[in-house]
């Protein structure tokens, strides 16, 4: 990532944190948000228009496959949020993120089910 992209991305992070919630670091160095899951954005950064899919594997991908699942809750941290847009991204086994390609490798969008699960 070049310097200009880094500055823009960092600015968006500051804006997101100031707009959508607070993050505090406890005495053990853990980050704590408003609910059990923090709302922090530590990078790599969001990229719009990721395709809707639930499988991020492709031929030739190296590494260990994992199953990622979770639940999105409303602000009360109890009530499931159905049809919430979840956007996922991760790096390759070499630690590289897909920030520019048309393939959106390692990136996906999906919606939660009736129980807020993805």
C-alpha atoms as a PDB file:
ATOM      1  CA  UNK A   1       0.000   0.000   0.000  1.00  0.00           C
ATOM      2  CA  UNK A   2       1.436   3.368  -0.938  1.00  0.00           C
ATOM      3  CA  UNK A   3       1.586   6.368   1.401  1.00  0.00           C
ATOM      4  CA  UNK A   4      -1.443   8.152  -0.093  1.00  0.00           C
ATOM      5  CA  UNK A   5      -3.686   5.072   0.229  1.00  0.00           C
ATOM      6  CA  UNK A   6      -2.467   4.558   3.804  1.00  0.00           C
ATOM      7  CA  UNK A   7      -3.324   8.136   4.798  1.00  0.00           C
ATOM      8  CA  UNK A   8      -6.796   7.892   3.229  1.00  0.00           C
ATOM      9  CA  UNK A   9      -7.470   4.524   4.888  1.00  0.00           C
ATOM     10  CA  UNK A  10      -6.260   5.738   8.268  1.00  0.00           C
ATOM     11  CA  UNK A  11      -8.485   8.822   8.013  1.00  0.00           C
ATOM     12  CA  UNK A  12     -11.492   6.595   7.308  1.00  0.00           C
ATOM     13  CA  UNK A  13     -10.644   4.534  10.386  1.00  0.00           C
ATOM     14  CA  UNK A  14     -10.585   7.597  12.624  1.00  0.00           C
ATOM     15  CA  UNK A  15     -13.894   8.765  11.152  1.00  0.00           C
ATOM     16  CA  UNK A  16     -15.488   5.330  11.679  1.00  0.00           C
ATOM     17  CA  UNK A  17     -14.410   5.114  15.304  1.00  0.00           C
ATOM     18  CA  UNK A  18     -15.574   8.630  16.079  1.00  0.00           C
ATOM     19  CA  UNK A  19     -18.938   8.060  14.380  1.00  0.00           C
ATOM     20  CA  UNK A  20     -19.927   4.499  15.272  1.00  0.00           C
ATOM     21  CA  UNK A  21     -18.636   3.791  18.738  1.00  0.00           C
ATOM     22  CA  UNK A  22     -15.833   3.688  21.195  1.00  0.00           C
ATOM     23  CA  UNK A  23     -13.039   1.236  21.810  1.00  0.00           C
ATOM     24  CA  UNK A  24     -11.170   1.013  25.065  1.00  0.00           C
ATOM     25  CA  UNK A  25      -8.056  -0.926  25.948  1.00  0.00           C
ATOM     26  CA  UNK A  26      -8.217  -2.683  29.316  1.00  0.00           C
ATOM     27  CA  UNK A  27      -5.343  -3.297  31.750  1.00  0.00           C
ATOM     28  CA  UNK A  28      -4.441  -6.591  29.998  1.00  0.00           C
ATOM     29  CA  UNK A  29      -4.106  -4.849  26.617  1.00  0.00           C
ATOM     30  CA  UNK A  30      -7.395  -6.251  25.248  1.00  0.00           C
ATOM     31  CA  UNK A  31      -9.602  -3.957  23.177  1.00  0.00           C
ATOM     32  CA  UNK A  32     -13.191  -3.731  24.464  1.00  0.00           C
ATOM     33  CA  UNK A  33     -16.096  -2.248  22.524  1.00  0.00           C
ATOM     34  CA  UNK A  34     -19.738  -1.555  23.322  1.00  0.00           C
ATOM     35  CA  UNK A  35     -20.676  -5.262  23.032  1.00  0.00           C
ATOM     36  CA  UNK A  36     -18.803  -8.548  23.211  1.00  0.00           C
ATOM     37  CA  UNK A  37     -17.393  -7.962  19.713  1.00  0.00           C
ATOM     38  CA  UNK A  38     -15.470  -4.742  19.172  1.00  0.00           C
ATOM     39  CA  UNK A  39     -16.327  -2.352  16.370  1.00  0.00           C
ATOM     40  CA  UNK A  40     -12.717  -1.409  15.694  1.00  0.00           C
ATOM     41  CA  UNK A  41     -11.151  -1.299  12.278  1.00  0.00           C
ATOM     42  CA  UNK A  42      -7.463  -2.107  12.468  1.00  0.00           C
ATOM     43  CA  UNK A  43      -6.912  -2.905   8.772  1.00  0.00           C
ATOM     44  CA  UNK A  44      -6.646  -4.018   6.112  1.00  0.00           C
ATOM     45  CA  UNK A  45      -9.355  -1.710   5.063  1.00  0.00           C
ATOM     46  CA  UNK A  46     -12.821  -2.031   3.642  1.00  0.00           C
ATOM     47  CA  UNK A  47     -13.213  -2.265  -0.103  1.00  0.00           C
ATOM     48  CA  UNK A  48     -16.688  -1.700  -1.587  1.00  0.00           C
ATOM     49  CA  UNK A  49     -18.457  -4.075  -4.000  1.00  0.00           C
ATOM     50  CA  UNK A  50     -17.113  -7.400  -2.706  1.00  0.00           C
ATOM     51  CA  UNK A  51     -19.122 -10.225  -4.314  1.00  0.00           C
ATOM     52  CA  UNK A  52     -21.869 -12.051  -2.416  1.00  0.00           C
ATOM     53  CA  UNK A  53     -20.558 -15.553  -1.658  1.00  0.00           C
ATOM     54  CA  UNK A  54     -19.959 -17.899   1.252  1.00  0.00           C
ATOM     55  CA  UNK A  55     -16.822 -19.659   0.029  1.00  0.00           C
ATOM     56  CA  UNK A  56     -13.528 -17.798  -0.260  1.00  0.00           C
ATOM     57  CA  UNK A  57     -11.460 -20.737  -1.511  1.00  0.00           C
ATOM     58  CA  UNK A  58     -10.184 -21.145  -5.068  1.00  0.00           C
ATOM     59  CA  UNK A  59      -7.930 -23.587  -6.943  1.00  0.00           C
ATOM     60  CA  UNK A  60      -4.299 -23.264  -5.871  1.00  0.00           C
ATOM     61  CA  UNK A  61      -5.029 -21.483  -2.597  1.00  0.00           C
ATOM     62  CA  UNK A  62      -2.456 -22.417   0.044  1.00  0.00           C
ATOM     63  CA  UNK A  63      -3.059 -22.676   3.768  1.00  0.00           C
ATOM     64  CA  UNK A  64      -5.545 -24.275   6.111  1.00  0.00           C
ATOM     65  CA  UNK A  65      -9.281 -24.006   5.481  1.00  0.00           C
ATOM     66  CA  UNK A  66     -11.361 -22.735   8.384  1.00  0.00           C
ATOM     67  CA  UNK A  67     -15.074 -22.377   8.976  1.00  0.00           C
ATOM     68  CA  UNK A  68     -15.965 -18.898  10.151  1.00  0.00           C
ATOM     69  CA  UNK A  69     -19.318 -18.315  11.799  1.00  0.00           C
ATOM     70  CA  UNK A  70     -20.811 -15.739  14.072  1.00  0.00           C
ATOM     71  CA  UNK A  71     -23.894 -13.859  15.148  1.00  0.00           C
ATOM     72  CA  UNK A  72     -24.780 -10.196  14.709  1.00  0.00           C
ATOM     73  CA  UNK A  73     -26.761  -8.625  17.541  1.00  0.00           C
ATOM     74  CA  UNK A  74     -28.688  -5.372  17.826  1.00  0.00           C
ATOM     75  CA  UNK A  75     -27.385  -2.541  19.992  1.00  0.00           C
ATOM     76  CA  UNK A  76     -28.840  -4.194  23.122  1.00  0.00           C
ATOM     77  CA  UNK A  77     -26.247  -7.003  22.580  1.00  0.00           C
ATOM     78  CA  UNK A  78     -29.028  -9.594  22.968  1.00  0.00           C
ATOM     79  CA  UNK A  79     -31.459  -9.402  20.030  1.00  0.00           C
ATOM     80  CA  UNK A  80     -30.307 -11.099  16.775  1.00  0.00           C
ATOM     81  CA  UNK A  81     -30.146  -8.828  13.739  1.00  0.00           C
ATOM     82  CA  UNK A  82     -31.527 -10.518  10.624  1.00  0.00           C
ATOM     83  CA  UNK A  83     -30.492  -9.462   7.111  1.00  0.00           C
ATOM     84  CA  UNK A  84     -27.401  -7.622   8.437  1.00  0.00           C
ATOM     85  CA  UNK A  85     -24.740  -7.183   5.785  1.00  0.00           C
ATOM     86  CA  UNK A  86     -21.516  -8.928   6.814  1.00  0.00           C
ATOM     87  CA  UNK A  87     -18.376  -8.207   4.828  1.00  0.00           C
ATOM     88  CA  UNK A  88     -15.391 -10.487   5.314  1.00  0.00           C
ATOM     89  CA  UNK A  89     -11.792 -10.168   4.199  1.00  0.00           C
ATOM     90  CA  UNK A  90      -8.605 -11.994   5.059  1.00  0.00           C
ATOM     91  CA  UNK A  91      -5.050 -12.373   3.813  1.00  0.00           C
ATOM     92  CA  UNK A  92      -3.345 -15.085   1.802  1.00  0.00           C
ATOM     93  CA  UNK A  93      -0.980 -17.539   3.495  1.00  0.00           C
ATOM     94  CA  UNK A  94       1.792 -15.100   2.546  1.00  0.00           C
ATOM     95  CA  UNK A  95       0.099 -12.320   4.549  1.00  0.00           C
ATOM     96  CA  UNK A  96      -1.038 -10.371   1.477  1.00  0.00           C
ATOM     97  CA  UNK A  97      -4.456  -8.727   1.167  1.00  0.00           C
ATOM     98  CA  UNK A  98      -6.324  -8.238  -2.097  1.00  0.00           C
ATOM     99  CA  UNK A  99      -6.764  -4.487  -2.113  1.00  0.00           C
ATOM    100  CA  UNK A 100      -6.857  -3.822  -5.850  1.00  0.00           C
ATOM    101  CA  UNK A 101      -7.748  -6.820  -8.068  1.00  0.00           C
ATOM    102  CA  UNK A 102     -11.007  -7.318  -9.942  1.00  0.00           C
ATOM    103  CA  UNK A 103     -11.254 -10.866  -8.500  1.00  0.00           C
ATOM    104  CA  UNK A 104     -11.750  -9.681  -4.897  1.00  0.00           C
ATOM    105  CA  UNK A 105      -9.814 -12.726  -3.701  1.00  0.00           C
ATOM    106  CA  UNK A 106     -10.161 -13.193   0.052  1.00  0.00           C
ATOM    107  CA  UNK A 107     -13.206 -10.863   0.206  1.00  0.00           C
ATOM    108  CA  UNK A 108     -16.933 -11.557   0.368  1.00  0.00           C
ATOM    109  CA  UNK A 109     -20.296 -10.115   1.368  1.00  0.00           C
ATOM    110  CA  UNK A 110     -23.247 -12.016   2.835  1.00  0.00           C
ATOM    111  CA  UNK A 111     -26.391 -11.448   4.893  1.00  0.00           C
ATOM    112  CA  UNK A 112     -27.262 -12.881   8.291  1.00  0.00           C
ATOM    113  CA  UNK A 113     -30.178 -15.314   8.603  1.00  0.00           C
ATOM    114  CA  UNK A 114     -33.307 -14.919  10.755  1.00  0.00           C
ATOM    115  CA  UNK A 115     -31.265 -15.684  13.910  1.00  0.00           C
ATOM    116  CA  UNK A 116     -28.567 -13.116  13.026  1.00  0.00           C
ATOM    117  CA  UNK A 117     -26.118 -15.909  12.119  1.00  0.00           C
ATOM    118  CA  UNK A 118     -23.645 -16.052   9.271  1.00  0.00           C
END
